[in-house]
PDB file of N, CA and C in Angstrom:
ATOM      1  N   MET A   1      86.523 151.533  -4.336  1.00  0.00           N
ATOM      2  CA  MET A   1      85.939 150.663  -4.094  1.00  0.00           C
ATOM      3  C   MET A   1      85.295 150.538  -3.018  1.00  0.00           C
ATOM      4  N   ILE A   2      84.198 150.257  -2.498  1.00  0.00           N
ATOM      5  CA  ILE A   2      82.942 150.337  -1.145  1.00  0.00           C
ATOM      6  C   ILE A   2      82.575 149.336  -0.881  1.00  0.00           C
ATOM      7  N   ILE A   3      83.513 149.096   0.184  1.00  0.00           N
ATOM      8  CA  ILE A   3      83.415 147.885   1.362  1.00  0.00           C
ATOM      9  C   ILE A   3      81.650 148.092   1.854  1.00  0.00           C
ATOM     10  N   HIS A   4      81.113 147.504   1.818  1.00  0.00           N
ATOM     11  CA  HIS A   4      79.623 147.364   2.401  1.00  0.00           C
ATOM     12  C   HIS A   4      79.704 146.596   3.591  1.00  0.00           C
ATOM     13  N   CYS A   5      79.528 146.497   4.518  1.00  0.00           N
ATOM     14  CA  CYS A   5      79.319 146.054   5.771  1.00  0.00           C
ATOM     15  C   CYS A   5      78.150 145.729   6.293  1.00  0.00           C
ATOM     16  N   VAL A   6      77.629 144.451   6.369  1.00  0.00           N
ATOM     17  CA  VAL A   6      76.485 144.270   7.502  1.00  0.00           C
ATOM     18  C   VAL A   6      76.586 143.911   8.476  1.00  0.00           C
ATOM     19  N   PHE A   7      75.854 144.483   9.230  1.00  0.00           N
ATOM     20  CA  PHE A   7      76.523 143.277  11.051  1.00  0.00           C
ATOM     21  C   PHE A   7      74.688 143.026  11.310  1.00  0.00           C
ATOM     22  N   CYS A   8      74.387 141.813  12.025  1.00  0.00           N
ATOM     23  CA  CYS A   8      73.065 141.489  12.210  1.00  0.00           C
ATOM     24  C   CYS A   8      72.866 140.833  13.651  1.00  0.00           C
ATOM     25  N   ASP A   9      71.723 141.221  14.339  1.00  0.00           N
ATOM     26  CA  ASP A   9      71.352 140.986  15.512  1.00  0.00           C
ATOM     27  C   ASP A   9      70.423 139.835  15.264  1.00  0.00           C
ATOM     28  N   LEU A  10      70.988 138.330  14.988  1.00  0.00           N
ATOM     29  CA  LEU A  10      69.581 137.501  14.774  1.00  0.00           C
ATOM     30  C   LEU A  10      68.510 137.380  15.909  1.00  0.00           C
ATOM     31  N   ARG A  11      67.455 136.851  15.711  1.00  0.00           N
ATOM     32  CA  ARG A  11      66.952 136.198  16.698  1.00  0.00           C
ATOM     33  C   ARG A  11      67.427 135.424  17.245  1.00  0.00           C
ATOM     34  N   HIS A  12      67.253 134.607  18.254  1.00  0.00           N
ATOM     35  CA  HIS A  12      67.927 133.187  18.701  1.00  0.00           C
ATOM     36  C   HIS A  12      66.725 132.322  18.528  1.00  0.00           C
ATOM     37  N   ASP A  13      65.369 132.342  18.407  1.00  0.00           N
ATOM     38  CA  ASP A  13      64.539 131.873  17.255  1.00  0.00           C
ATOM     39  C   ASP A  13      64.998 130.827  16.128  1.00  0.00           C
ATOM     40  N   ILE A  14      65.688 131.862  15.275  1.00  0.00           N
ATOM     41  CA  ILE A  14      66.146 131.576  13.863  1.00  0.00           C
ATOM     42  C   ILE A  14      67.085 130.455  13.737  1.00  0.00           C
ATOM     43  N   PRO A  15      66.192 129.270  12.777  1.00  0.00           N
ATOM     44  CA  PRO A  15      67.532 128.399  13.241  1.00  0.00           C
ATOM     45  C   PRO A  15      68.409 129.059  12.171  1.00  0.00           C
ATOM     46  N   THR A  16      69.560 129.095  12.019  1.00  0.00           N
ATOM     47  CA  THR A  16      71.098 128.854  11.492  1.00  0.00           C
ATOM     48  C   THR A  16      70.501 128.481   9.981  1.00  0.00           C
ATOM     49  N   ASP A  17      70.389 128.232   9.595  1.00  0.00           N
ATOM     50  CA  ASP A  17      70.066 127.621   8.047  1.00  0.00           C
ATOM     51  C   ASP A  17      69.279 127.963   7.853  1.00  0.00           C
ATOM     52  N   ALA A  18      68.301 128.888   8.164  1.00  0.00           N
ATOM     53  CA  ALA A  18      67.603 130.191   7.894  1.00  0.00           C
ATOM     54  C   ALA A  18      68.239 131.594   7.384  1.00  0.00           C
ATOM     55  N   PHE A  19      69.022 131.849   8.011  1.00  0.00           N
ATOM     56  CA  PHE A  19      70.296 132.981   7.949  1.00  0.00           C
ATOM     57  C   PHE A  19      71.165 132.339   6.179  1.00  0.00           C
ATOM     58  N   MET A  20      71.693 131.335   6.671  1.00  0.00           N
ATOM     59  CA  MET A  20      72.696 130.990   5.883  1.00  0.00           C
ATOM     60  C   MET A  20      71.409 130.536   4.366  1.00  0.00           C
ATOM     61  N   GLY A  21      70.650 130.404   4.524  1.00  0.00           N
ATOM     62  CA  GLY A  21      70.017 130.102   2.998  1.00  0.00           C
ATOM     63  C   GLY A  21      69.567 131.477   2.471  1.00  0.00           C
ATOM     64  N   LEU A  22      69.268 132.481   3.316  1.00  0.00           N
ATOM     65  CA  LEU A  22      68.931 133.865   2.782  1.00  0.00           C
ATOM     66  C   LEU A  22      70.350 134.458   1.904  1.00  0.00           C
ATOM     67  N   MET A  23      71.639 134.055   2.972  1.00  0.00           N
ATOM     68  CA  MET A  23      72.866 134.084   2.554  1.00  0.00           C
ATOM     69  C   MET A  23      73.186 133.623   1.540  1.00  0.00           C
ATOM     70  N   THR A  24      72.876 132.740   0.675  1.00  0.00           N
ATOM     71  CA  THR A  24      73.367 132.057  -0.503  1.00  0.00           C
ATOM     72  C   THR A  24      71.910 132.693  -1.131  1.00  0.00           C
ATOM     73  N   THR A  25      70.713 132.917  -1.225  1.00  0.00           N
ATOM     74  CA  THR A  25      70.272 133.493  -2.198  1.00  0.00           C
ATOM     75  C   THR A  25      70.567 135.382  -2.393  1.00  0.00           C
ATOM     76  N   LEU A  26      71.201 135.880  -1.450  1.00  0.00           N
ATOM     77  CA  LEU A  26      71.541 137.085  -1.335  1.00  0.00           C
ATOM     78  C   LEU A  26      72.860 137.018  -2.087  1.00  0.00           C
ATOM     79  N   ALA A  27      73.796 135.578  -1.977  1.00  0.00           N
ATOM     80  CA  ALA A  27      75.603 136.550  -2.657  1.00  0.00           C
ATOM     81  C   ALA A  27      74.881 135.543  -3.551  1.00  0.00           C
ATOM     82  N   GLN A  28      74.109 135.106  -4.738  1.00  0.00           N
ATOM     83  CA  GLN A  28      73.901 134.717  -5.493  1.00  0.00           C
ATOM     84  C   GLN A  28      73.123 135.646  -6.661  1.00  0.00           C
ATOM     85  N   PHE A  29      72.278 136.875  -5.790  1.00  0.00           N
ATOM     86  CA  PHE A  29      71.581 137.715  -6.674  1.00  0.00           C
ATOM     87  C   PHE A  29      73.147 138.562  -6.655  1.00  0.00           C
ATOM     88  N   SER A  30      73.689 138.982  -5.698  1.00  0.00           N
ATOM     89  CA  SER A  30      74.851 140.187  -5.704  1.00  0.00           C
ATOM     90  C   SER A  30      75.638 139.883  -6.711  1.00  0.00           C
ATOM     91  N   LEU A  31      75.803 138.746  -6.865  1.00  0.00           N
ATOM     92  CA  LEU A  31      77.146 138.883  -7.475  1.00  0.00           C
ATOM     93  C   LEU A  31      76.904 138.353  -9.637  1.00  0.00           C
ATOM     94  N   SER A  32      75.691 138.227  -9.503  1.00  0.00           N
ATOM     95  CA  SER A  32      74.886 138.645 -10.913  1.00  0.00           C
ATOM     96  C   SER A  32      75.195 139.999 -11.540  1.00  0.00           C
ATOM     97  N   LEU A  33      75.274 140.878 -10.473  1.00  0.00           N
ATOM     98  CA  LEU A  33      75.270 142.326 -10.668  1.00  0.00           C
ATOM     99  C   LEU A  33      76.208 143.025 -10.992  1.00  0.00           C
ATOM    100  N   ASP A  34      76.330 143.990 -12.128  1.00  0.00           N
ATOM    101  CA  ASP A  34      77.810 144.504 -12.672  1.00  0.00           C
ATOM    102  C   ASP A  34      78.808 145.333 -11.504  1.00  0.00           C
ATOM    103  N   GLY A  35      79.433 145.250 -11.270  1.00  0.00           N
ATOM    104  CA  GLY A  35      79.956 146.099 -10.571  1.00  0.00           C
ATOM    105  C   GLY A  35      80.490 145.240  -8.635  1.00  0.00           C
ATOM    106  N   VAL A  36      79.923 144.331  -8.594  1.00  0.00           N
ATOM    107  CA  VAL A  36      79.954 143.430  -7.406  1.00  0.00           C
ATOM    108  C   VAL A  36      81.206 142.493  -7.103  1.00  0.00           C
ATOM    109  N   LYS A  37      82.046 142.677  -7.120  1.00  0.00           N
ATOM    110  CA  LYS A  37      83.643 142.030  -7.056  1.00  0.00           C
ATOM    111  C   LYS A  37      83.611 140.825  -5.629  1.00  0.00           C
ATOM    112  N   SER A  38      82.678 140.821  -4.718  1.00  0.00           N
ATOM    113  CA  SER A  38      82.845 139.511  -4.038  1.00  0.00           C
ATOM    114  C   SER A  38      81.597 139.981  -2.642  1.00  0.00           C
ATOM    115  N   PHE A  39      81.438 138.678  -2.481  1.00  0.00           N
ATOM    116  CA  PHE A  39      80.117 138.491  -1.364  1.00  0.00           C
ATOM    117  C   PHE A  39      80.542 137.698  -0.597  1.00  0.00           C
ATOM    118  N   GLU A  40      80.464 137.710   0.932  1.00  0.00           N
ATOM    119  CA  GLU A  40      81.214 137.029   1.710  1.00  0.00           C
ATOM    120  C   GLU A  40      80.461 136.855   3.248  1.00  0.00           C
ATOM    121  N   TYR A  41      79.972 136.026   3.912  1.00  0.00           N
ATOM    122  CA  TYR A  41      78.599 136.232   4.742  1.00  0.00           C
ATOM    123  C   TYR A  41      79.793 134.926   5.723  1.00  0.00           C
ATOM    124  N   GLY A  42      78.597 134.900   7.109  1.00  0.00           N
ATOM    125  CA  GLY A  42      78.655 133.928   8.164  1.00  0.00           C
ATOM    126  C   GLY A  42      78.495 134.626   9.355  1.00  0.00           C
ATOM    127  N   PRO A  43      79.094 133.610  10.780  1.00  0.00           N
ATOM    128  CA  PRO A  43      78.690 133.890  11.857  1.00  0.00           C
ATOM    129  C   PRO A  43      79.763 135.020  12.536  1.00  0.00           C
ATOM    130  N   ASN A  44      79.543 135.625  13.286  1.00  0.00           N
ATOM    131  CA  ASN A  44      80.235 136.592  13.996  1.00  0.00           C
ATOM    132  C   ASN A  44      80.954 135.877  15.206  1.00  0.00           C
ATOM    133  N   HIS A  45      82.035 135.331  15.119  1.00  0.00           N
ATOM    134  CA  HIS A  45      83.004 134.623  16.668  1.00  0.00           C
ATOM    135  C   HIS A  45      83.193 135.857  17.466  1.00  0.00           C
ATOM    136  N   ASP A  46      83.414 136.980  17.659  1.00  0.00           N
ATOM    137  CA  ASP A  46      83.431 138.129  18.338  1.00  0.00           C
ATOM    138  C   ASP A  46      84.733 137.600  19.351  1.00  0.00           C
ATOM    139  N   PHE A  47      85.789 137.792  18.624  1.00  0.00           N
ATOM    140  CA  PHE A  47      87.151 137.046  19.548  1.00  0.00           C
ATOM    141  C   PHE A  47      87.439 138.494  20.265  1.00  0.00           C
ATOM    142  N   GLU A  48      87.098 139.406  19.657  1.00  0.00           N
ATOM    143  CA  GLU A  48      87.444 140.727  20.508  1.00  0.00           C
ATOM    144  C   GLU A  48      86.421 140.726  21.837  1.00  0.00           C
ATOM    145  N   GLN A  49      85.443 140.584  21.845  1.00  0.00           N
ATOM    146  CA  GLN A  49      84.566 140.463  22.487  1.00  0.00           C
ATOM    147  C   GLN A  49      84.081 142.310  22.543  1.00  0.00           C
ATOM    148  N   LYS A  50      83.824 142.250  21.391  1.00  0.00           N
ATOM    149  CA  LYS A  50      83.582 144.250  20.929  1.00  0.00           C
ATOM    150  C   LYS A  50      81.879 144.088  20.468  1.00  0.00           C
ATOM    151  N   SER A  51      81.410 142.735  19.935  1.00  0.00           N
ATOM    152  CA  SER A  51      80.245 142.705  19.411  1.00  0.00           C
ATOM    153  C   SER A  51      78.920 141.867  19.930  1.00  0.00           C
ATOM    154  N   PRO A  52      78.971 141.555  20.990  1.00  0.00           N
ATOM    155  CA  PRO A  52      78.274 140.720  21.455  1.00  0.00           C
ATOM    156  C   PRO A  52      76.776 140.757  20.970  1.00  0.00           C
ATOM    157  N   HIS A  53      76.401 141.827  20.177  1.00  0.00           N
ATOM    158  CA  HIS A  53      74.953 141.908  19.790  1.00  0.00           C
ATOM    159  C   HIS A  53      74.534 141.693  18.503  1.00  0.00           C
ATOM    160  N   HIS A  54      75.950 141.725  18.029  1.00  0.00           N
ATOM    161  CA  HIS A  54      75.395 140.818  16.323  1.00  0.00           C
ATOM    162  C   HIS A  54      76.191 139.828  16.069  1.00  0.00           C
ATOM    163  N   ASN A  55      75.446 139.095  16.012  1.00  0.00           N
ATOM    164  CA  ASN A  55      76.224 137.274  15.543  1.00  0.00           C
ATOM    165  C   ASN A  55      76.382 136.864  14.308  1.00  0.00           C
ATOM    166  N   ALA A  56      75.890 137.895  13.344  1.00  0.00           N
ATOM    167  CA  ALA A  56      76.401 137.270  12.466  1.00  0.00           C
ATOM    168  C   ALA A  56      76.157 138.234  11.026  1.00  0.00           C
ATOM    169  N   GLY A  57      76.839 137.922   9.593  1.00  0.00           N
ATOM    170  CA  GLY A  57      76.811 139.418   8.899  1.00  0.00           C
ATOM    171  C   GLY A  57      77.166 138.804   7.934  1.00  0.00           C
ATOM    172  N   PHE A  58      77.571 140.209   6.984  1.00  0.00           N
ATOM    173  CA  PHE A  58      78.437 139.819   5.385  1.00  0.00           C
ATOM    174  C   PHE A  58      78.882 141.059   4.959  1.00  0.00           C
ATOM    175  N   VAL A  59      79.698 140.944   3.954  1.00  0.00           N
ATOM    176  CA  VAL A  59      80.213 141.556   3.304  1.00  0.00           C
ATOM    177  C   VAL A  59      80.395 142.130   1.925  1.00  0.00           C
ATOM    178  N   VAL A  60      79.619 143.141   1.393  1.00  0.00           N
ATOM    179  CA  VAL A  60      80.057 142.650  -0.539  1.00  0.00           C
ATOM    180  C   VAL A  60      80.901 144.163  -0.516  1.00  0.00           C
ATOM    181  N   LYS A  61      81.377 143.142  -1.753  1.00  0.00           N
ATOM    182  CA  LYS A  61      82.847 144.404  -2.127  1.00  0.00           C
ATOM    183  C   LYS A  61      82.021 144.960  -3.699  1.00  0.00           C
ATOM    184  N   PHE A  62      82.278 146.561  -3.342  1.00  0.00           N
ATOM    185  CA  PHE A  62      81.803 147.037  -5.526  1.00  0.00           C
ATOM    186  C   PHE A  62      82.949 147.606  -5.604  1.00  0.00           C
ATOM    187  N   HIS A  63      82.557 147.681  -7.330  1.00  0.00           N
ATOM    188  CA  HIS A  63      83.857 148.621  -8.013  1.00  0.00           C
ATOM    189  C   HIS A  63      83.401 150.404  -7.478  1.00  0.00           C
ATOM    190  N   ASP A  64      82.195 150.362  -7.280  1.00  0.00           N
ATOM    191  CA  ASP A  64      82.008 152.326  -6.805  1.00  0.00           C
ATOM    192  C   ASP A  64      80.884 152.458  -6.574  1.00  0.00           C
ATOM    193  N   LYS A  65      80.350 153.323  -6.172  1.00  0.00           N
ATOM    194  CA  LYS A  65      79.426 153.912  -5.615  1.00  0.00           C
ATOM    195  C   LYS A  65      78.387 153.662  -6.431  1.00  0.00           C
ATOM    196  N   THR A  66      77.944 153.729  -7.432  1.00  0.00           N
ATOM    197  CA  THR A  66      77.084 153.549  -9.040  1.00  0.00           C
ATOM    198  C   THR A  66      76.450 151.660  -8.547  1.00  0.00           C
ATOM    199  N   ALA A  67      77.631 150.763  -8.484  1.00  0.00           N
ATOM    200  CA  ALA A  67      77.705 149.723  -8.287  1.00  0.00           C
ATOM    201  C   ALA A  67      76.622 149.319  -7.267  1.00  0.00           C
ATOM    202  N   LEU A  68      76.590 150.246  -5.927  1.00  0.00           N
ATOM    203  CA  LEU A  68      76.614 150.245  -4.561  1.00  0.00           C
ATOM    204  C   LEU A  68      75.067 150.613  -4.737  1.00  0.00           C
ATOM    205  N   ASP A  69      74.922 151.254  -5.324  1.00  0.00           N
ATOM    206  CA  ASP A  69      73.473 152.268  -5.762  1.00  0.00           C
ATOM    207  C   ASP A  69      72.483 151.318  -6.562  1.00  0.00           C
ATOM    208  N   THR A  70      73.027 150.716  -7.496  1.00  0.00           N
ATOM    209  CA  THR A  70      71.778 149.542  -7.983  1.00  0.00           C
ATOM    210  C   THR A  70      71.922 148.653  -7.247  1.00  0.00           C
ATOM    211  N   TYR A  71      72.651 148.185  -6.831  1.00  0.00           N
ATOM    212  CA  TYR A  71      72.051 146.898  -5.812  1.00  0.00           C
ATOM    213  C   TYR A  71      71.091 147.505  -4.775  1.00  0.00           C
ATOM    214  N   ALA A  72      71.384 148.625  -4.180  1.00  0.00           N
ATOM    215  CA  ALA A  72      70.611 148.930  -2.842  1.00  0.00           C
ATOM    216  C   ALA A  72      69.154 149.351  -3.605  1.00  0.00           C
ATOM    217  N   HIS A  73      69.142 150.068  -4.806  1.00  0.00           N
ATOM    218  CA  HIS A  73      67.849 149.836  -5.264  1.00  0.00           C
ATOM    219  C   HIS A  73      66.768 149.277  -6.178  1.00  0.00           C
ATOM    220  N   HIS A  74      67.458 147.651  -6.327  1.00  0.00           N
ATOM    221  CA  HIS A  74      67.012 146.716  -7.286  1.00  0.00           C
ATOM    222  C   HIS A  74      65.931 145.723  -6.234  1.00  0.00           C
ATOM    223  N   PRO A  75      64.968 145.576  -7.056  1.00  0.00           N
ATOM    224  CA  PRO A  75      63.749 145.089  -6.153  1.00  0.00           C
ATOM    225  C   PRO A  75      64.208 143.706  -5.296  1.00  0.00           C
ATOM    226  N   THR A  76      64.883 143.240  -5.996  1.00  0.00           N
ATOM    227  CA  THR A  76      65.329 141.921  -5.251  1.00  0.00           C
ATOM    228  C   THR A  76      66.203 142.204  -4.272  1.00  0.00           C
ATOM    229  N   HIS A  77      67.162 143.070  -4.177  1.00  0.00           N
ATOM    230  CA  HIS A  77      67.697 143.272  -3.003  1.00  0.00           C
ATOM    231  C   HIS A  77      66.624 143.675  -2.003  1.00  0.00           C
ATOM    232  N   GLN A  78      65.652 144.602  -2.114  1.00  0.00           N
ATOM    233  CA  GLN A  78      64.811 145.013  -0.720  1.00  0.00           C
ATOM    234  C   GLN A  78      64.149 144.233  -0.488  1.00  0.00           C
ATOM    235  N   LYS A  79      63.544 143.208  -1.119  1.00  0.00           N
ATOM    236  CA  LYS A  79      62.964 141.868  -1.055  1.00  0.00           C
ATOM    237  C   LYS A  79      63.519 141.121  -0.235  1.00  0.00           C
ATOM    238  N   LEU A  80      64.775 140.664  -0.481  1.00  0.00           N
ATOM    239  CA  LEU A  80      65.565 140.005   0.346  1.00  0.00           C
ATOM    240  C   LEU A  80      66.454 140.945   1.524  1.00  0.00           C
ATOM    241  N   GLY A  81      66.409 142.007   1.777  1.00  0.00           N
ATOM    242  CA  GLY A  81      66.587 142.871   2.607  1.00  0.00           C
ATOM    243  C   GLY A  81      65.472 142.814   3.584  1.00  0.00           C
ATOM    244  N   ALA A  82      64.202 143.124   3.341  1.00  0.00           N
ATOM    245  CA  ALA A  82      63.062 143.036   4.195  1.00  0.00           C
ATOM    246  C   ALA A  82      63.185 141.362   5.092  1.00  0.00           C
ATOM    247  N   GLU A  83      63.628 140.232   4.045  1.00  0.00           N
ATOM    248  CA  GLU A  83      63.405 139.106   4.676  1.00  0.00           C
ATOM    249  C   GLU A  83      64.229 139.548   5.854  1.00  0.00           C
ATOM    250  N   LEU A  84      65.243 139.491   5.777  1.00  0.00           N
ATOM    251  CA  LEU A  84      66.501 139.599   6.781  1.00  0.00           C
ATOM    252  C   LEU A  84      66.277 140.293   7.700  1.00  0.00           C
ATOM    253  N   CYS A  85      65.419 141.411   7.491  1.00  0.00           N
ATOM    254  CA  CYS A  85      64.913 142.086   8.947  1.00  0.00           C
ATOM    255  C   CYS A  85      63.938 141.429   9.660  1.00  0.00           C
ATOM    256  N   THR A  86      63.022 140.340   9.395  1.00  0.00           N
ATOM    257  CA  THR A  86      62.482 139.667   9.447  1.00  0.00           C
ATOM    258  C   THR A  86      62.797 138.744  10.986  1.00  0.00           C
ATOM    259  N   LEU A  87      64.495 137.918  10.207  1.00  0.00           N
ATOM    260  CA  LEU A  87      65.081 137.312  10.776  1.00  0.00           C
ATOM    261  C   LEU A  87      65.860 138.177  12.171  1.00  0.00           C
ATOM    262  N   CYS A  88      65.776 139.651  12.137  1.00  0.00           N
ATOM    263  CA  CYS A  88      66.570 140.176  13.199  1.00  0.00           C
ATOM    264  C   CYS A  88      65.554 140.472  14.611  1.00  0.00           C
ATOM    265  N   ASN A  89      66.158 140.655  15.832  1.00  0.00           N
ATOM    266  CA  ASN A  89      65.744 140.930  16.861  1.00  0.00           C
ATOM    267  C   ASN A  89      66.018 142.780  16.615  1.00  0.00           C
ATOM    268  N   ARG A  90      64.108 143.438  16.271  1.00  0.00           N
ATOM    269  CA  ARG A  90      63.957 144.929  16.504  1.00  0.00           C
ATOM    270  C   ARG A  90      63.631 145.213  15.118  1.00  0.00           C
ATOM    271  N   GLY A  91      63.946 144.381  13.956  1.00  0.00           N
ATOM    272  CA  GLY A  91      63.245 144.184  12.650  1.00  0.00           C
ATOM    273  C   GLY A  91      64.886 144.950  11.883  1.00  0.00           C
ATOM    274  N   ALA A  92      64.813 146.053  10.921  1.00  0.00           N
ATOM    275  CA  ALA A  92      65.524 147.014  10.536  1.00  0.00           C
ATOM    276  C   ALA A  92      66.603 147.498  11.340  1.00  0.00           C
ATOM    277  N   ASP A  93      66.082 147.644  12.703  1.00  0.00           N
ATOM    278  CA  ASP A  93      66.786 148.600  13.982  1.00  0.00           C
ATOM    279  C   ASP A  93      67.782 147.249  14.561  1.00  0.00           C
ATOM    280  N   GLY A  94      68.042 145.968  14.177  1.00  0.00           N
ATOM    281  CA  GLY A  94      68.845 144.363  14.625  1.00  0.00           C
ATOM    282  C   GLY A  94      70.066 144.877  13.540  1.00  0.00           C
ATOM    283  N   ILE A  95      70.081 145.663  12.594  1.00  0.00           N
ATOM    284  CA  ILE A  95      70.986 145.407  11.292  1.00  0.00           C
ATOM    285  C   ILE A  95      71.616 146.779  11.743  1.00  0.00           C
ATOM    286  N   ILE A  96      73.235 146.761  11.502  1.00  0.00           N
ATOM    287  CA  ILE A  96      73.772 147.346  11.238  1.00  0.00           C
ATOM    288  C   ILE A  96      74.743 147.857  10.036  1.00  0.00           C
ATOM    289  N   VAL A  97      75.137 149.270   9.186  1.00  0.00           N
ATOM    290  CA  VAL A  97      75.176 148.751   8.077  1.00  0.00           C
ATOM    291  C   VAL A  97      76.589 149.764   8.150  1.00  0.00           C
ATOM    292  N   TYR A  98      77.590 149.512   7.317  1.00  0.00           N
ATOM    293  CA  TYR A  98      78.841 150.399   7.449  1.00  0.00           C
ATOM    294  C   TYR A  98      79.554 150.374   6.162  1.00  0.00           C
ATOM    295  N   ASP A  99      79.469 151.122   5.515  1.00  0.00           N
ATOM    296  CA  ASP A  99      79.883 151.546   3.692  1.00  0.00           C
ATOM    297  C   ASP A  99      81.117 152.642   3.926  1.00  0.00           C
ATOM    298  N   LEU A 100      82.232 151.490   3.623  1.00  0.00           N
ATOM    299  CA  LEU A 100      83.997 151.953   3.404  1.00  0.00           C
ATOM    300  C   LEU A 100      84.905 152.382   1.787  1.00  0.00           C
ATOM    301  N   ALA A 101      85.063 153.526   2.104  1.00  0.00           N
ATOM    302  CA  ALA A 101      85.473 153.402   0.795  1.00  0.00           C
ATOM    303  C   ALA A 101      86.844 153.397   0.296  1.00  0.00           C
ATOM    304  N   THR A 102      87.863 152.801   0.115  1.00  0.00           N
ATOM    305  CA  THR A 102      88.949 152.047  -0.052  1.00  0.00           C
ATOM    306  C   THR A 102      89.325 152.666  -0.800  1.00  0.00           C
TER     307      THR A 102
END
């Protein structure tokens, strides 16, 4: 399994609804693909105070790397990813991605 973790430094002038709406759309798209096991998203509460610059994020669980590759190269993912970049400070540089193989 691949756990795809995405952490965002959202701009402060972006309404919460803009991020949550985009996440709803991304979740619906992702879950329609073969090999996607789950999609979770929300605000970062930073309980340990170790990630103050990343105030929201999402996690997608994929059956395998092939499923992740299908998702990553899909035109809908690329379009929604570009929209996410517009919501973040520094665009794409305001996003951190970790892919964990478990």
